[in-house]
Protein backbone atom coordinates (compact mmCIF):
# COMPACT_ATOMS: atom_id res chain seq x y z
CA MET A 1 73.56 -69.35 21.29
CA THR A 2 73.34 -71.10 24.50
CA PRO A 3 75.96 -71.83 27.12
CA VAL A 4 78.31 -75.06 26.53
CA SER A 5 76.73 -78.50 26.65
CA PRO A 6 78.15 -81.85 25.88
CA THR A 7 77.19 -81.36 22.53
CA GLY A 8 78.66 -78.07 22.36
CA LEU A 9 77.30 -74.46 21.61
CA GLN A 10 73.52 -74.65 20.26
CA VAL A 11 72.46 -72.37 17.29
CA HIS A 12 68.89 -71.51 17.44
CA LEU A 13 66.92 -70.77 14.05
CA GLY A 14 63.76 -69.67 13.54
CA LEU A 15 61.51 -69.02 10.54
CA GLY A 16 57.62 -68.34 11.47
CA GLU A 17 56.48 -71.62 12.95
CA VAL A 18 59.62 -73.20 12.07
CA THR A 19 61.90 -73.54 14.73
CA ALA A 20 65.45 -75.57 14.52
CA GLN A 21 68.44 -76.40 16.86
CA ILE A 22 71.80 -77.37 15.43
CA ALA A 23 74.56 -79.05 17.82
CA GLN A 24 78.25 -77.53 17.25
CA VAL A 25 79.69 -81.12 18.06
CA GLY A 26 79.23 -83.06 15.07
CA ALA A 27 76.89 -80.23 13.27
CA SER A 28 74.03 -82.57 14.49
CA LEU A 29 70.48 -81.52 13.49
CA ARG A 30 69.02 -81.81 17.13
CA SER A 31 65.95 -80.56 16.93
CA LEU A 32 63.22 -79.28 14.27
CA ARG A 33 59.75 -78.12 15.05
CA ILE A 34 56.95 -76.64 13.42
CA GLY A 35 54.37 -75.10 15.76
CA GLU A 36 53.84 -77.47 18.55
CA VAL A 37 55.16 -80.57 16.57
CA ASP A 38 58.52 -81.84 16.72
CA LEU A 39 59.80 -83.54 13.34
CA VAL A 40 63.10 -84.49 15.32
CA PRO A 41 62.90 -86.17 18.48
CA PRO A 42 64.47 -83.99 21.09
CA TYR A 43 66.80 -84.87 23.95
CA PRO A 44 68.20 -83.17 26.91
CA LEU A 45 70.47 -80.29 26.64
CA ASP A 46 72.94 -81.82 29.38
CA ALA A 47 73.31 -85.06 27.51
CA PRO A 48 75.55 -86.48 24.92
CA THR A 49 74.34 -87.39 21.01
CA PRO A 50 72.45 -90.21 21.47
CA SER A 51 72.89 -92.83 19.23
CA CYS A 52 74.72 -90.42 17.09
CA SER A 53 71.29 -88.16 16.27
CA GLY A 54 71.50 -85.97 13.38
CA VAL A 55 75.54 -86.34 13.21
CA VAL A 56 77.78 -85.46 10.15
CA LEU A 57 79.57 -88.67 8.95
CA VAL A 58 82.27 -88.01 7.04
CA PRO A 59 84.75 -89.11 5.10
CA TRP A 60 82.32 -92.44 5.60
CA PRO A 61 79.07 -93.40 6.89
CA ASN A 62 78.60 -96.36 9.12
CA ARG A 63 81.48 -99.10 9.46
CA ILE A 64 84.89 -100.07 7.97
CA ARG A 65 85.69 -103.50 9.10
CA ASP A 66 88.77 -103.89 11.49
CA GLY A 67 89.19 -100.11 10.90
CA ARG A 68 91.58 -101.41 8.14
CA TRP A 69 91.49 -100.61 4.24
CA ASP A 70 93.28 -100.91 1.18
CA ASP A 71 93.87 -97.38 -0.23
CA GLU A 72 94.77 -98.27 -4.09
CA GLY A 73 97.50 -100.70 -2.61
CA THR A 74 98.53 -99.35 0.47
CA VAL A 75 96.64 -100.84 3.76
CA ARG A 76 95.57 -97.98 5.74
CA GLN A 77 94.69 -98.62 9.78
CA LEU A 78 92.34 -96.28 11.48
CA THR A 79 91.34 -96.17 14.83
CA VAL A 80 88.87 -98.58 16.21
CA SER A 81 86.28 -96.76 17.25
CA GLU A 82 83.38 -99.30 17.66
CA PRO A 83 84.84 -101.82 20.08
CA LYS A 84 81.96 -104.16 20.46
CA THR A 85 82.13 -105.10 16.41
CA ALA A 86 85.77 -103.97 16.35
CA ASN A 87 85.22 -101.52 13.68
CA ALA A 88 85.66 -97.65 12.48
CA SER A 89 82.61 -96.03 12.78
CA HIS A 90 81.00 -92.88 11.45
CA GLY A 91 83.73 -90.70 10.15
CA LEU A 92 86.41 -88.79 11.90
CA LEU A 93 84.25 -85.56 12.88
CA ARG A 94 81.53 -87.21 14.82
CA PHE A 95 83.01 -85.43 18.22
CA THR A 96 84.31 -82.21 16.54
CA PRO A 97 83.19 -79.01 16.93
CA TYR A 98 82.25 -77.12 13.75
CA ALA A 99 83.38 -73.20 13.04
CA VAL A 100 79.42 -71.40 13.18
CA GLU A 101 78.16 -68.93 11.13
CA GLN A 102 74.38 -67.77 11.21
CA THR A 103 71.56 -65.74 10.76
CA ASP A 104 67.98 -65.88 12.36
CA ALA A 105 66.70 -68.87 9.66
CA ALA A 106 70.29 -70.34 8.01
CA ALA A 107 73.66 -71.66 9.82
CA THR A 108 76.92 -73.15 7.88
CA LEU A 109 79.02 -75.03 10.16
CA ARG A 110 82.27 -75.71 8.91
CA ALA A 111 85.13 -78.36 10.10
CA THR A 112 88.30 -79.84 8.98
CA VAL A 113 89.40 -83.29 8.35
CA TYR A 114 93.38 -83.26 8.91
CA PRO A 115 95.33 -85.91 7.66
CA GLN A 116 95.87 -88.46 10.86
CA THR A 117 96.57 -92.24 11.05
CA GLY A 118 94.80 -94.32 8.58
CA TYR A 119 93.78 -91.21 6.69
CA PRO A 120 96.09 -89.18 5.02
CA TYR A 121 93.98 -86.60 3.13
CA LEU A 122 93.19 -83.17 4.06
CA LEU A 123 89.63 -82.16 3.46
CA GLU A 124 87.70 -78.79 3.88
CA THR A 125 83.74 -79.66 4.88
CA SER A 126 80.60 -77.89 5.19
CA VAL A 127 76.91 -78.38 6.07
CA ALA A 128 74.38 -75.07 5.44
CA TYR A 129 70.58 -75.81 7.28
CA VAL A 130 67.78 -73.54 5.98
CA LEU A 131 64.39 -73.32 7.24
CA THR A 132 61.71 -73.26 4.96
CA ALA A 133 57.99 -72.48 5.32
CA ASP A 134 57.17 -76.39 5.89
CA GLY A 135 60.89 -77.85 7.26
CA ILE A 136 64.75 -77.51 6.40
CA GLU A 137 67.17 -78.12 3.50
CA VAL A 138 70.55 -78.94 4.04
CA THR A 139 73.57 -78.84 1.71
CA HIS A 140 77.17 -80.46 2.71
CA THR A 141 80.41 -79.88 0.48
CA ILE A 142 83.43 -81.72 0.65
CA THR A 143 86.60 -79.82 -0.77
CA ASN A 144 89.85 -82.19 -1.37
CA TRP A 145 93.19 -79.87 -0.71
CA SER A 146 95.21 -82.97 -0.52
CA GLU A 147 98.02 -83.57 -3.08
CA SER A 148 96.48 -86.61 -4.58
CA ALA A 149 92.85 -87.95 -5.28
CA ALA A 150 90.88 -88.37 -1.59
CA PRO A 151 88.60 -90.81 -1.11
CA VAL A 152 85.25 -89.86 0.38
CA ALA A 153 81.72 -90.80 1.24
CA LEU A 154 79.22 -88.84 3.36
CA GLY A 155 76.09 -89.61 5.39
CA THR A 156 73.94 -88.09 7.96
CA HIS A 157 71.93 -89.82 10.75
CA PRO A 158 68.52 -87.55 11.73
CA PHE A 159 66.15 -89.03 13.30
CA VAL A 160 62.65 -88.15 12.50
CA THR A 161 58.88 -88.38 14.25
CA ILE A 162 55.61 -86.95 14.26
CA GLY A 163 55.76 -85.72 17.89
CA ASP A 164 52.19 -85.61 18.98
CA VAL A 165 51.26 -89.26 17.61
CA ASP A 166 52.09 -92.65 19.54
CA PRO A 167 55.56 -93.40 17.32
CA HIS A 168 54.00 -97.07 17.17
CA GLU A 169 51.05 -95.98 15.19
CA LEU A 170 53.54 -94.29 12.41
CA VAL A 171 53.47 -95.80 8.97
CA LEU A 172 57.10 -95.70 7.67
CA ARG A 173 57.58 -96.03 3.53
CA VAL A 174 61.37 -96.11 1.90
CA PRO A 175 60.98 -96.44 -1.93
CA ALA A 176 63.67 -99.24 -1.97
CA GLN A 177 64.37 -102.36 -4.12
CA THR A 178 67.23 -103.78 -2.82
CA ALA A 179 68.73 -104.50 0.81
CA PHE A 180 72.44 -105.17 1.93
CA GLU A 181 72.71 -108.53 4.14
CA THR A 182 75.13 -108.06 6.82
CA ASP A 183 77.02 -110.26 9.52
CA ASP A 184 77.28 -110.22 13.07
CA ARG A 185 79.44 -106.98 13.16
CA LEU A 186 76.86 -105.19 10.82
CA LEU A 187 79.23 -105.24 7.53
CA PRO A 188 77.54 -106.16 4.15
CA VAL A 189 78.06 -109.60 2.86
CA GLY A 190 75.61 -109.29 -0.14
CA THR A 191 72.42 -108.19 -1.04
CA ARG A 192 68.73 -109.25 -1.58
CA PRO A 193 65.44 -107.94 -2.43
CA ALA A 194 64.05 -105.07 0.10
CA ASP A 195 61.15 -105.72 1.72
CA PRO A 196 58.07 -105.03 -0.13
CA ALA A 197 56.39 -103.65 3.33
CA LEU A 198 59.00 -100.88 3.20
CA ARG A 199 57.33 -99.53 0.05
CA THR A 200 53.93 -99.97 0.48
CA GLY A 201 53.98 -99.04 4.59
CA LEU A 202 55.12 -100.68 7.56
CA ARG A 203 53.64 -99.71 10.86
CA LEU A 204 56.90 -98.64 13.12
CA GLY A 205 55.77 -100.90 16.05
CA ASP A 206 56.24 -103.87 14.15
CA ALA A 207 59.47 -102.71 12.52
CA THR A 208 63.22 -103.84 14.04
CA LEU A 209 65.70 -102.35 11.61
CA ASP A 210 68.90 -101.68 11.39
CA THR A 211 69.16 -102.05 7.45
CA GLY A 212 71.23 -100.42 4.41
CA LEU A 213 69.02 -99.97 1.39
CA THR A 214 70.03 -98.89 -2.16
CA ASP A 215 68.26 -99.15 -5.64
CA LEU A 216 65.88 -96.24 -4.51
CA ASP A 217 63.20 -94.85 -6.44
CA ARG A 218 63.71 -90.99 -7.51
CA ASP A 219 60.67 -89.05 -8.22
CA ALA A 220 60.62 -86.92 -11.53
CA ASP A 221 62.78 -84.15 -9.84
CA GLY A 222 65.28 -86.26 -9.03
CA ARG A 223 64.84 -86.94 -5.30
CA VAL A 224 64.31 -89.92 -3.23
CA ARG A 225 61.63 -89.49 -0.61
CA HIS A 226 61.37 -91.38 2.38
CA THR A 227 57.99 -90.92 4.53
CA LEU A 228 56.61 -91.46 8.51
CA THR A 229 52.58 -90.90 8.15
CA ALA A 230 50.71 -90.30 11.19
CA PRO A 231 46.97 -91.96 11.19
CA ASP A 232 45.11 -88.40 10.01
CA GLY A 233 47.55 -88.41 6.95
CA ARG A 234 50.24 -86.00 8.25
CA THR A 235 53.37 -86.79 6.64
CA VAL A 236 56.99 -86.32 7.55
CA THR A 237 59.00 -86.37 4.78
CA LEU A 238 62.56 -87.03 4.33
CA TRP A 239 64.16 -86.72 0.76
CA GLN A 240 67.74 -86.96 -0.50
CA GLY A 241 69.25 -85.75 -3.58
CA GLU A 242 71.82 -86.99 -6.27
CA GLY A 243 74.64 -88.62 -4.93
CA PHE A 244 73.10 -89.94 -2.24
CA ASP A 245 72.07 -93.49 -3.34
CA VAL A 246 71.90 -95.31 0.16
CA ALA A 247 69.78 -95.45 2.74
CA GLN A 248 70.33 -96.53 6.32
CA VAL A 249 67.03 -97.05 8.69
CA TYR A 250 67.56 -97.67 12.29
CA THR A 251 65.14 -98.23 14.60
CA ALA A 252 65.60 -97.43 18.18
CA ARG A 253 63.86 -98.30 21.32
CA ASN A 254 66.72 -96.61 23.91
CA TYR A 255 66.25 -93.07 22.38
CA PRO A 256 65.43 -90.73 25.60
CA GLY A 257 61.78 -89.38 25.84
CA THR A 258 60.49 -91.51 23.46
CA PRO A 259 59.36 -95.42 23.40
CA LEU A 260 60.46 -95.54 19.70
CA ALA A 261 62.52 -93.41 17.47
CA VAL A 262 63.59 -94.29 13.60
CA ALA A 263 66.49 -92.62 12.01
CA ILE A 264 66.45 -92.37 8.06
CA GLU A 265 69.82 -91.68 6.99
CA PRO A 266 71.39 -90.35 3.74
CA MET A 267 74.43 -92.16 2.76
CA THR A 268 76.58 -92.05 -0.76
CA ALA A 269 77.84 -95.33 0.20
CA PRO A 270 77.11 -98.17 2.72
CA ALA A 271 79.05 -99.52 4.79
CA ASP A 272 82.81 -100.88 4.42
CA ALA A 273 82.63 -98.83 1.05
CA PHE A 274 86.42 -98.06 1.68
CA ASN A 275 87.19 -101.79 1.35
CA SER A 276 84.13 -102.78 -1.22
CA GLY A 277 84.29 -99.36 -3.34
CA ILE A 278 80.71 -99.27 -3.53
CA GLY A 279 79.59 -95.63 -4.03
CA LEU A 280 83.19 -94.44 -3.07
CA ARG A 281 84.17 -91.10 -5.00
CA ARG A 282 88.07 -89.89 -5.25
CA LEU A 283 87.77 -86.40 -5.29
CA ALA A 284 90.66 -84.83 -7.30
CA GLN A 285 93.15 -82.38 -5.50
CA GLY A 286 90.68 -79.09 -5.58
CA GLU A 287 87.56 -80.77 -6.17
CA THR A 288 84.35 -79.95 -4.51
CA TRP A 289 81.33 -82.27 -4.21
CA THR A 290 78.03 -80.92 -3.10
CA LEU A 291 75.11 -83.26 -1.52
CA GLU A 292 71.53 -82.23 -0.37
CA TRP A 293 68.86 -83.58 1.35
CA GLY A 294 66.07 -82.21 3.92
CA ILE A 295 62.86 -82.80 5.61
CA THR A 296 59.13 -81.43 5.13
CA PHE A 297 55.99 -81.75 7.01
CA GLY A 298 52.00 -81.59 6.08
């Protein structure tokens, strides 16, 4: 581990030509590299996490309107953590330093969600990062230790790239049938058919996206696969396993060190799920939920 930074201790993993760096704060994937090619756009060690890059989002991803939600007849009020939209954003562990266990090629980070204003539940969470010959596999667990069933959703916020290519020339494919319509506070107000160009291939330089997507096409192994492809055919694939039924795709033009970056965010539920109930799961006391996603390159 390297000395402390605004993102906490840094966990370095290596397996042959595959290397990764995990930040303690938010358990975020801040670097993934194969040989000389970055698959996650890096950012300076002395900088806070930009655009929530790589952070684990629990017990909800995205936003809750006004930070207020109906907990089976009891109105709860969370801290409004995104003042510009007056919403509670990206869960309760975004700025939490996780406990870390690691080997050369794998690390497990653990953190607890304690009962607090607006969320009176006790959750034990972990995220395990394991390097593979062509990328990384990630496993999340959530266990409810509350006295009653706890409402939960989970997401993560990885950015992906092919670092030796102009990002404008990368082609994005997302196998989604449905997109969420949002208001000026980025909260869902309905659905519409997803842009067919997302499925056939959209040049990243032509895209401006902050879009929740669902009705995702799964391959025979049950995984959804999103891709970024370089002009020479090399492809980085972000896959999401069972339970991740939503993806948020976000293009950033203010990410440090690159003129354009894209986040492809596996989520179990869309924005404001604590109010809509879409994708929201209630874990019984002692129940554990396990979710998987990963990145490959070839």
